[in-house]
Amino acid sequence: MPQPLFCVQSKQTLGVKMMAENKAIIEHNSNCKYILAKVRTGQGTNLAIVSKDLEWHADIASTYSRELKKQEQSLESVLGGGRLEINNVEKTIKTYGHSGSYGKAPLDLVEKVLKENFPDYKLDIR
């Protein structure tokens, strides 16, 4: 069984005023559900792809919301969800499907966040 993987990657921003950064949080090295969330931070609003080994998309959202509150941030909305398959050996990420609770995530935004956080991975966004 593959070891769980926790990836939080975000690109660095240059400039005088620090802008909010988009994040990809993937807590597995397999195939699990994900959400695309809009997050309110002290610096503004950003996007986050959150993928955890939980049964429901709503469970991912509520768990992530609690984590954000500890950092004095908030989950503004969930834009959609689906399934995310990551292979760190082959450096591939595939997304597909939709969430029964939140619908299909906007694929252009999913691709944008993943490209920013995993620039050397091959993406298959559906």
C-alpha atoms as a PDB file:
ATOM      1  CA  MET A   1       0.000   0.000   0.000  1.00  0.00           C
ATOM      2  CA  PRO A   2       1.449   3.410  -0.944  1.00  0.00           C
ATOM      3  CA  GLN A   3       2.470   5.707   1.876  1.00  0.00           C
ATOM      4  CA  PRO A   4       0.210   8.741   2.372  1.00  0.00           C
ATOM      5  CA  LEU A   5       1.694  11.873   0.912  1.00  0.00           C
ATOM      6  CA  PHE A   6       1.086  15.405   2.066  1.00  0.00           C
ATOM      7  CA  CYS A   7       1.898  18.015  -0.548  1.00  0.00           C
ATOM      8  CA  VAL A   8       1.401  21.700   0.005  1.00  0.00           C
ATOM      9  CA  GLN A   9       3.061  23.576  -2.764  1.00  0.00           C
ATOM     10  CA  SER A  10       2.639  27.156  -3.839  1.00  0.00           C
ATOM     11  CA  LYS A  11       4.656  29.425  -6.032  1.00  0.00           C
ATOM     12  CA  GLN A  12       6.419  32.426  -4.533  1.00  0.00           C
ATOM     13  CA  THR A  13       5.080  35.875  -5.369  1.00  0.00           C
ATOM     14  CA  LEU A  14       7.289  38.878  -5.913  1.00  0.00           C
ATOM     15  CA  GLY A  15       6.430  42.485  -5.193  1.00  0.00           C
ATOM     16  CA  VAL A  16       5.903  44.892  -2.334  1.00  0.00           C
ATOM     17  CA  LYS A  17       2.389  43.752  -1.448  1.00  0.00           C
ATOM     18  CA  MET A  18       2.091  40.010  -0.894  1.00  0.00           C
ATOM     19  CA  MET A  19      -0.879  38.607  -2.820  1.00  0.00           C
ATOM     20  CA  ALA A  20      -2.817  35.495  -1.870  1.00  0.00           C
ATOM     21  CA  GLU A  21      -1.467  32.348  -3.503  1.00  0.00           C
ATOM     22  CA  ASN A  22      -3.323  29.406  -4.934  1.00  0.00           C
ATOM     23  CA  LYS A  23      -2.604  26.089  -3.188  1.00  0.00           C
ATOM     24  CA  ALA A  24      -2.809  22.400  -3.937  1.00  0.00           C
ATOM     25  CA  ILE A  25      -3.131  20.194  -0.867  1.00  0.00           C
ATOM     26  CA  ILE A  26      -2.985  16.494  -1.692  1.00  0.00           C
ATOM     27  CA  GLU A  27      -2.875  14.077   1.227  1.00  0.00           C
ATOM     28  CA  HIS A  28      -2.444  10.815  -0.680  1.00  0.00           C
ATOM     29  CA  ASN A  29      -0.471   9.127  -3.445  1.00  0.00           C
ATOM     30  CA  SER A  30      -3.434   7.433  -5.093  1.00  0.00           C
ATOM     31  CA  ASN A  31      -6.955   8.227  -6.316  1.00  0.00           C
ATOM     32  CA  CYS A  32      -9.267  10.204  -3.975  1.00  0.00           C
ATOM     33  CA  LYS A  33     -11.931  12.883  -4.077  1.00  0.00           C
ATOM     34  CA  TYR A  34     -11.040  16.587  -4.301  1.00  0.00           C
ATOM     35  CA  ILE A  35     -12.713  19.968  -3.991  1.00  0.00           C
ATOM     36  CA  LEU A  36     -11.855  23.303  -5.546  1.00  0.00           C
ATOM     37  CA  ALA A  37     -12.366  25.926  -2.854  1.00  0.00           C
ATOM     38  CA  LYS A  38     -12.344  29.694  -2.735  1.00  0.00           C
ATOM     39  CA  VAL A  39     -10.475  30.754   0.411  1.00  0.00           C
ATOM     40  CA  ARG A  40     -10.536  34.119   2.195  1.00  0.00           C
ATOM     41  CA  THR A  41      -7.122  34.972   3.645  1.00  0.00           C
ATOM     42  CA  GLY A  42      -5.658  38.041   5.323  1.00  0.00           C
ATOM     43  CA  GLN A  43      -4.181  39.032   1.953  1.00  0.00           C
ATOM     44  CA  GLY A  44      -7.283  38.474  -0.160  1.00  0.00           C
ATOM     45  CA  THR A  45      -8.902  35.512  -1.838  1.00  0.00           C
ATOM     46  CA  ASN A  46      -7.218  32.494  -3.383  1.00  0.00           C
ATOM     47  CA  LEU A  47      -8.086  29.090  -4.752  1.00  0.00           C
ATOM     48  CA  ALA A  48      -7.231  25.756  -3.197  1.00  0.00           C
ATOM     49  CA  ILE A  49      -7.465  22.243  -4.521  1.00  0.00           C
ATOM     50  CA  VAL A  50      -7.863  19.964  -1.514  1.00  0.00           C
ATOM     51  CA  SER A  51      -7.733  16.197  -1.943  1.00  0.00           C
ATOM     52  CA  LYS A  52      -8.039  13.917   1.063  1.00  0.00           C
ATOM     53  CA  ASP A  53      -8.851  10.261   1.592  1.00  0.00           C
ATOM     54  CA  LEU A  54     -12.372  10.938   2.919  1.00  0.00           C
ATOM     55  CA  GLU A  55     -15.688   9.409   1.859  1.00  0.00           C
ATOM     56  CA  TRP A  56     -17.593  12.565   0.852  1.00  0.00           C
ATOM     57  CA  HIS A  57     -16.680  15.877  -0.771  1.00  0.00           C
ATOM     58  CA  ALA A  58     -18.546  17.616   2.075  1.00  0.00           C
ATOM     59  CA  ASP A  59     -16.210  15.891   4.561  1.00  0.00           C
ATOM     60  CA  ILE A  60     -13.219  17.355   2.726  1.00  0.00           C
ATOM     61  CA  ALA A  61     -14.816  20.812   2.811  1.00  0.00           C
ATOM     62  CA  SER A  62     -15.662  20.703   6.519  1.00  0.00           C
ATOM     63  CA  THR A  63     -12.230  19.333   7.485  1.00  0.00           C
ATOM     64  CA  TYR A  64     -10.473  21.992   5.409  1.00  0.00           C
ATOM     65  CA  SER A  65     -12.733  24.716   6.822  1.00  0.00           C
ATOM     66  CA  ARG A  66     -11.695  23.759  10.379  1.00  0.00           C
ATOM     67  CA  GLU A  67      -8.012  23.809   9.348  1.00  0.00           C
ATOM     68  CA  LEU A  68      -8.442  27.286   7.840  1.00  0.00           C
ATOM     69  CA  LYS A  69     -10.117  28.674  10.975  1.00  0.00           C
ATOM     70  CA  LYS A  70      -7.012  27.728  12.992  1.00  0.00           C
ATOM     71  CA  GLN A  71      -5.022  29.935  10.572  1.00  0.00           C
ATOM     72  CA  GLU A  72      -7.560  32.788  10.819  1.00  0.00           C
ATOM     73  CA  GLN A  73      -8.743  32.142   7.274  1.00  0.00           C
ATOM     74  CA  SER A  74     -12.122  30.972   5.990  1.00  0.00           C
ATOM     75  CA  LEU A  75     -13.643  28.779   3.334  1.00  0.00           C
ATOM     76  CA  GLU A  76     -15.683  31.210   1.261  1.00  0.00           C
ATOM     77  CA  SER A  77     -17.212  28.637  -1.105  1.00  0.00           C
ATOM     78  CA  VAL A  78     -16.709  25.290  -2.790  1.00  0.00           C
ATOM     79  CA  LEU A  79     -16.687  25.743  -6.561  1.00  0.00           C
ATOM     80  CA  GLY A  80     -16.975  22.034  -7.367  1.00  0.00           C
ATOM     81  CA  GLY A  81     -15.222  18.724  -7.027  1.00  0.00           C
ATOM     82  CA  GLY A  82     -14.397  15.380  -8.530  1.00  0.00           C
ATOM     83  CA  ARG A  83     -11.679  12.749  -8.271  1.00  0.00           C
ATOM     84  CA  LEU A  84      -7.925  13.357  -8.358  1.00  0.00           C
ATOM     85  CA  GLU A  85      -5.379  10.668  -9.127  1.00  0.00           C
ATOM     86  CA  ILE A  86      -1.722  11.507  -8.471  1.00  0.00           C
ATOM     87  CA  ASN A  87       1.327   9.387  -9.251  1.00  0.00           C
ATOM     88  CA  ASN A  88       4.483  10.912  -7.788  1.00  0.00           C
ATOM     89  CA  VAL A  89       6.772   8.363  -9.447  1.00  0.00           C
ATOM     90  CA  GLU A  90       5.494   9.065 -12.970  1.00  0.00           C
ATOM     91  CA  LYS A  91       4.736  12.711 -12.093  1.00  0.00           C
ATOM     92  CA  THR A  92       1.174  12.645 -13.379  1.00  0.00           C
ATOM     93  CA  ILE A  93      -2.085  14.095 -12.086  1.00  0.00           C
ATOM     94  CA  LYS A  94      -5.470  13.197 -13.526  1.00  0.00           C
ATOM     95  CA  THR A  95      -8.789  14.764 -12.520  1.00  0.00           C
ATOM     96  CA  TYR A  96     -12.235  13.637 -13.607  1.00  0.00           C
ATOM     97  CA  GLY A  97     -15.840  13.348 -12.527  1.00  0.00           C
ATOM     98  CA  HIS A  98     -17.916  15.619 -10.337  1.00  0.00           C
ATOM     99  CA  SER A  99     -19.191  16.020  -6.805  1.00  0.00           C
ATOM    100  CA  GLY A 100     -22.773  15.053  -6.001  1.00  0.00           C
ATOM    101  CA  SER A 101     -22.870  17.911  -3.472  1.00  0.00           C
ATOM    102  CA  TYR A 102     -20.958  20.673  -5.301  1.00  0.00           C
ATOM    103  CA  GLY A 103     -21.073  19.749  -8.992  1.00  0.00           C
ATOM    104  CA  LYS A 104     -18.198  19.732 -11.461  1.00  0.00           C
ATOM    105  CA  ALA A 105     -15.272  22.007 -10.680  1.00  0.00           C
ATOM    106  CA  PRO A 106     -14.415  24.607 -13.358  1.00  0.00           C
ATOM    107  CA  LEU A 107     -11.700  22.753 -15.283  1.00  0.00           C
ATOM    108  CA  ASP A 108      -9.842  25.914 -16.312  1.00  0.00           C
ATOM    109  CA  LEU A 109      -9.362  26.838 -12.645  1.00  0.00           C
ATOM    110  CA  VAL A 110      -8.392  23.277 -11.662  1.00  0.00           C
ATOM    111  CA  GLU A 111      -5.758  23.266 -14.398  1.00  0.00           C
ATOM    112  CA  LYS A 112      -4.475  26.720 -13.393  1.00  0.00           C
ATOM    113  CA  VAL A 113      -3.991  25.777  -9.724  1.00  0.00           C
ATOM    114  CA  LEU A 114      -2.364  22.437 -10.520  1.00  0.00           C
ATOM    115  CA  LYS A 115      -0.006  23.974 -13.118  1.00  0.00           C
ATOM    116  CA  GLU A 116       1.091  26.602 -10.584  1.00  0.00           C
ATOM    117  CA  ASN A 117       1.782  24.023  -7.897  1.00  0.00           C
ATOM    118  CA  PHE A 118       3.013  21.055  -9.938  1.00  0.00           C
ATOM    119  CA  PRO A 119       4.782  22.598 -12.960  1.00  0.00           C
ATOM    120  CA  ASP A 120       6.805  19.458 -13.718  1.00  0.00           C
ATOM    121  CA  TYR A 121       3.816  17.074 -13.644  1.00  0.00           C
ATOM    122  CA  LYS A 122       1.853  15.943 -16.702  1.00  0.00           C
ATOM    123  CA  LEU A 123      -1.794  16.942 -16.217  1.00  0.00           C
ATOM    124  CA  ASP A 124      -4.905  15.218 -17.571  1.00  0.00           C
ATOM    125  CA  ILE A 125      -7.849  17.433 -16.580  1.00  0.00           C
ATOM    126  CA  ARG A 126     -11.342  16.168 -17.494  1.00  0.00           C
END
